[in-house]
Protein backbone atom coordinates (compact mmCIF):
# COMPACT_ATOMS: atom_id res chain seq x y z
CA UNK A 1 -19.35 11.54 -6.92
CA UNK A 2 -18.17 8.53 -4.92
CA UNK A 3 -19.48 4.97 -4.58
CA UNK A 4 -18.36 2.66 -1.76
CA UNK A 5 -18.87 -1.09 -1.59
CA UNK A 6 -17.29 -4.41 -0.69
CA UNK A 7 -16.61 -7.75 -2.37
CA UNK A 8 -16.19 -11.06 -0.43
CA UNK A 9 -12.94 -12.88 -1.21
CA UNK A 10 -12.26 -16.64 -1.31
CA UNK A 11 -9.94 -16.41 1.73
CA UNK A 12 -12.75 -15.03 3.91
CA UNK A 13 -11.39 -11.51 3.53
CA UNK A 14 -13.47 -8.61 2.33
CA UNK A 15 -12.18 -6.27 -0.35
CA UNK A 16 -13.36 -2.70 0.02
CA UNK A 17 -14.14 -0.86 -3.20
CA UNK A 18 -14.16 2.90 -3.74
CA UNK A 19 -15.09 4.48 -7.08
CA UNK A 20 -14.68 8.23 -7.50
CA UNK A 21 -16.02 10.12 -10.54
CA UNK A 22 -14.92 13.70 -11.19
CA UNK A 23 -16.38 15.87 -14.00
CA UNK A 24 -13.84 17.41 -16.38
CA UNK A 25 -14.21 20.06 -19.09
CA UNK A 26 -15.82 19.15 -22.44
CA UNK A 27 -18.08 16.43 -20.95
CA UNK A 28 -15.20 14.19 -19.88
CA UNK A 29 -15.21 12.20 -16.63
CA UNK A 30 -12.21 11.10 -14.56
CA UNK A 31 -12.69 7.77 -12.75
CA UNK A 32 -10.48 6.33 -10.02
CA UNK A 33 -11.21 2.83 -8.64
CA UNK A 34 -9.46 2.11 -5.35
CA UNK A 35 -9.34 -1.23 -3.50
CA UNK A 36 -8.36 -2.14 0.06
CA UNK A 37 -7.75 -5.55 1.70
CA UNK A 38 -6.93 -4.24 5.18
CA UNK A 39 -10.17 -2.59 6.16
CA UNK A 40 -9.36 0.73 4.52
CA UNK A 41 -5.98 1.34 6.13
CA UNK A 42 -4.25 1.34 2.76
CA UNK A 43 -5.64 1.61 -0.76
CA UNK A 44 -4.43 0.39 -4.14
CA UNK A 45 -5.47 2.01 -7.41
CA UNK A 46 -7.07 -0.62 -9.65
CA UNK A 47 -8.08 1.79 -12.40
CA UNK A 48 -7.36 5.44 -13.20
CA UNK A 49 -8.72 6.78 -16.46
CA UNK A 50 -10.73 9.39 -18.29
CA UNK A 51 -13.96 8.73 -20.18
CA UNK A 52 -14.27 10.85 -23.31
CA UNK A 53 -17.34 11.37 -25.54
CA UNK A 54 -16.89 9.36 -28.72
CA UNK A 55 -17.21 12.55 -30.78
CA UNK A 56 -14.05 13.91 -29.11
CA UNK A 57 -11.85 11.07 -30.39
CA UNK A 58 -10.88 10.70 -34.07
CA UNK A 59 -12.58 7.94 -36.03
CA UNK A 60 -10.35 5.04 -36.98
CA UNK A 61 -10.21 3.25 -40.33
CA UNK A 62 -8.97 -0.19 -41.38
CA UNK A 63 -5.22 -0.09 -42.04
CA UNK A 64 -5.50 -0.71 -45.78
CA UNK A 65 -8.12 2.01 -46.18
CA UNK A 66 -6.14 4.59 -44.22
CA UNK A 67 -2.90 3.66 -46.00
CA UNK A 68 -4.54 4.27 -49.36
CA UNK A 69 -6.03 7.55 -48.17
CA UNK A 70 -2.67 8.74 -46.80
CA UNK A 71 -0.90 7.95 -50.08
CA UNK A 72 -3.58 9.74 -52.11
CA UNK A 73 -2.03 12.99 -50.84
CA UNK A 74 1.16 12.46 -52.83
CA UNK A 75 1.93 12.64 -56.56
CA UNK A 76 1.69 9.13 -57.97
CA UNK A 77 5.41 8.83 -58.67
CA UNK A 78 6.21 9.33 -54.96
CA UNK A 79 3.73 6.91 -53.43
CA UNK A 80 5.60 3.61 -53.70
CA UNK A 81 8.66 5.00 -51.93
CA UNK A 82 6.93 6.93 -49.14
CA UNK A 83 6.78 6.04 -45.46
CA UNK A 84 3.20 5.65 -44.18
CA UNK A 85 1.65 5.98 -40.72
CA UNK A 86 -1.93 5.07 -39.76
CA UNK A 87 -3.85 6.12 -36.66
CA UNK A 88 -4.70 3.38 -34.15
CA UNK A 89 -5.95 3.21 -30.55
CA UNK A 90 -2.82 4.67 -28.94
CA UNK A 91 -1.72 6.98 -31.74
CA UNK A 92 0.02 6.66 -35.08
CA UNK A 93 1.74 3.43 -36.11
CA UNK A 94 4.26 3.12 -38.94
CA UNK A 95 2.93 0.53 -41.38
CA UNK A 96 5.28 1.13 -44.31
CA UNK A 97 8.96 2.09 -44.31
CA UNK A 98 9.81 4.26 -47.27
CA UNK A 99 13.03 5.08 -49.09
CA UNK A 100 12.47 8.45 -50.79
CA UNK A 101 12.29 10.70 -47.71
CA UNK A 102 8.55 11.42 -47.98
CA UNK A 103 6.12 10.62 -45.16
CA UNK A 104 2.37 10.28 -45.69
CA UNK A 105 -0.40 10.10 -43.10
CA UNK A 106 -3.97 11.22 -42.56
CA UNK A 107 -3.36 14.23 -40.34
CA UNK A 108 -5.66 14.53 -37.31
CA UNK A 109 -5.17 17.98 -35.75
CA UNK A 110 -8.82 17.99 -34.65
CA UNK A 111 -11.05 15.01 -33.75
CA UNK A 112 -13.15 15.59 -36.87
CA UNK A 113 -10.31 16.27 -39.30
CA UNK A 114 -9.00 13.76 -41.81
CA UNK A 115 -6.35 15.49 -43.91
CA UNK A 116 -4.18 13.23 -46.07
CA UNK A 117 -0.74 14.88 -46.19
CA UNK A 118 2.64 13.85 -47.56
CA UNK A 119 5.73 15.77 -46.37
CA UNK A 120 9.18 15.82 -47.96
CA UNK A 121 12.31 14.87 -46.00
CA UNK A 122 12.53 18.24 -44.22
CA UNK A 123 8.90 18.07 -43.16
CA UNK A 124 9.30 14.44 -42.15
CA UNK A 125 12.02 15.51 -39.72
CA UNK A 126 10.45 18.70 -38.33
CA UNK A 127 6.67 18.66 -38.86
CA UNK A 128 5.69 14.98 -38.79
CA UNK A 129 6.79 14.56 -35.13
CA UNK A 130 4.18 17.18 -34.18
CA UNK A 131 1.50 15.46 -36.29
CA UNK A 132 2.29 12.15 -34.59
CA UNK A 133 2.03 13.74 -31.16
CA UNK A 134 -1.29 15.38 -32.01
CA UNK A 135 -2.72 12.00 -32.97
CA UNK A 136 -1.44 10.42 -29.77
CA UNK A 137 -2.95 13.15 -27.59
CA UNK A 138 -6.32 13.13 -29.34
CA UNK A 139 -6.61 9.36 -29.03
CA UNK A 140 -5.89 9.76 -25.31
CA UNK A 141 -8.93 12.02 -25.08
CA UNK A 142 -7.08 15.31 -24.64
CA UNK A 143 -8.96 18.49 -25.49
CA UNK A 144 -7.83 20.82 -28.25
CA UNK A 145 -6.70 23.26 -25.57
CA UNK A 146 -4.57 20.57 -23.93
CA UNK A 147 -3.13 19.51 -27.29
CA UNK A 148 -2.20 23.11 -28.12
CA UNK A 149 -0.55 23.56 -24.72
CA UNK A 150 1.47 20.36 -25.12
CA UNK A 151 2.67 21.29 -28.61
CA UNK A 152 3.40 24.86 -27.54
CA UNK A 153 5.54 23.60 -24.66
CA UNK A 154 7.38 21.35 -27.12
CA UNK A 155 8.32 24.35 -29.24
CA UNK A 156 9.30 26.31 -26.12
CA UNK A 157 11.70 23.61 -24.94
CA UNK A 158 13.15 22.90 -28.39
CA UNK A 159 11.60 19.45 -28.72
CA UNK A 160 9.87 20.71 -31.87
CA UNK A 161 11.41 23.14 -34.37
CA UNK A 162 10.49 24.95 -37.55
CA UNK A 163 11.73 23.59 -40.89
CA UNK A 164 15.34 24.59 -41.49
CA UNK A 165 14.99 24.98 -45.25
CA UNK A 166 12.27 25.46 -47.89
CA UNK A 167 10.24 22.38 -48.65
CA UNK A 168 6.86 21.01 -49.65
CA UNK A 169 3.93 19.05 -48.30
CA UNK A 170 1.42 17.60 -50.76
CA UNK A 171 -2.33 17.44 -50.09
CA UNK A 172 -3.53 16.29 -53.51
CA UNK A 173 -6.39 14.12 -52.27
CA UNK A 174 -10.02 14.89 -53.00
CA UNK A 175 -10.86 13.78 -49.44
CA UNK A 176 -9.40 16.55 -47.27
CA UNK A 177 -11.93 16.76 -44.42
CA UNK A 178 -11.43 19.93 -42.35
CA UNK A 179 -13.54 21.05 -39.38
CA UNK A 180 -14.85 24.61 -39.70
CA UNK A 181 -15.25 26.16 -36.21
CA UNK A 182 -17.43 28.96 -37.60
CA UNK A 183 -20.10 26.55 -38.84
CA UNK A 184 -19.43 23.54 -36.61
CA UNK A 185 -19.36 21.37 -39.73
CA UNK A 186 -16.71 19.48 -41.69
CA UNK A 187 -15.86 20.90 -45.10
CA UNK A 188 -14.09 19.22 -48.01
CA UNK A 189 -11.03 21.30 -48.88
CA UNK A 190 -9.77 20.97 -52.48
CA UNK A 191 -6.35 19.57 -53.46
CA UNK A 192 -3.41 21.89 -52.82
CA UNK A 193 0.34 22.10 -52.24
CA UNK A 194 1.88 23.63 -49.12
CA UNK A 195 5.31 25.24 -48.89
CA UNK A 196 6.95 25.73 -45.50
CA UNK A 197 6.62 29.35 -44.40
CA UNK A 198 7.50 29.62 -40.70
CA UNK A 199 6.05 32.77 -39.11
CA UNK A 200 5.19 34.32 -42.47
CA UNK A 201 1.96 36.34 -42.76
CA UNK A 202 -0.42 37.07 -45.62
CA UNK A 203 0.74 40.68 -45.46
CA UNK A 204 4.32 39.52 -46.05
CA UNK A 205 3.35 37.95 -49.38
CA UNK A 206 0.74 40.55 -50.38
CA UNK A 207 -2.10 38.05 -50.13
CA UNK A 208 -5.68 38.76 -49.12
CA UNK A 209 -5.72 35.32 -47.48
CA UNK A 210 -8.68 33.92 -49.42
CA UNK A 211 -6.90 32.30 -52.37
CA UNK A 212 -8.98 34.30 -54.85
CA UNK A 213 -7.58 34.40 -58.36
CA UNK A 214 -5.28 31.49 -57.62
CA UNK A 215 -3.04 33.57 -55.36
CA UNK A 216 -1.17 31.75 -52.57
CA UNK A 217 -2.08 32.39 -48.94
CA UNK A 218 -0.73 31.63 -45.48
CA UNK A 219 -2.29 28.99 -43.24
CA UNK A 220 -1.42 27.95 -39.67
CA UNK A 221 0.65 31.08 -39.15
CA UNK A 222 3.46 30.30 -36.71
CA UNK A 223 6.51 28.02 -36.51
CA UNK A 224 4.84 25.43 -38.75
CA UNK A 225 3.06 27.86 -41.06
CA UNK A 226 2.47 27.07 -44.72
CA UNK A 227 2.12 29.01 -47.96
CA UNK A 228 -0.67 27.27 -49.83
CA UNK A 229 -1.26 27.09 -53.57
CA UNK A 230 -4.24 25.27 -55.08
CA UNK A 231 -3.54 22.28 -57.34
CA UNK A 232 -5.18 19.55 -59.41
CA UNK A 233 -5.95 16.17 -57.89
CA UNK A 234 -3.78 13.18 -58.74
CA UNK A 235 -6.86 10.90 -58.60
């Protein structure tokens, strides 16, 4: 769809306006606003952006609230020394520089997810960069398919890597909000601890994958896979 118009200028010139709207997948719309001061011989782009349904962008929280939620993922004795990121309009921002090697943030790997997570030093170096990128892409209105493609290309080129050694990520909060694609709803997932398990499968560890009986299971199978064990909340 295109709209054409003109706007009188103070110097007796006329500025031509051209707005073009192009539908994109997942109810997004690409808008380009062009302007010309020479009768349409040349055009300058005044605006080029994508409108995204509000439901496709993660909700933001006040800094203090998100900081507290991020730190609730960690055991209490690690919180004061952990680095903290919070999600803002253009992606994650570091709001607290830590000293113990742990990094805490409310992970957004889906627009509806809010998953407080605290990674050790190894995870801070290898997994957190992906989490930061996911937040940046989602706030830019990218679809889950586009986010997956971007992250996949990062692994292909070596920008992102699997953890080099065993390590741990804590998710001890009672407020782990996780979108369930089978129901289309957000579930509250109980507190747990995740151990780095790149490319490991449930079959490899003899797990049925459902956590029954307190057995560990594999989640996010792939280069950033985890072996998950349920735990008690620190709250």
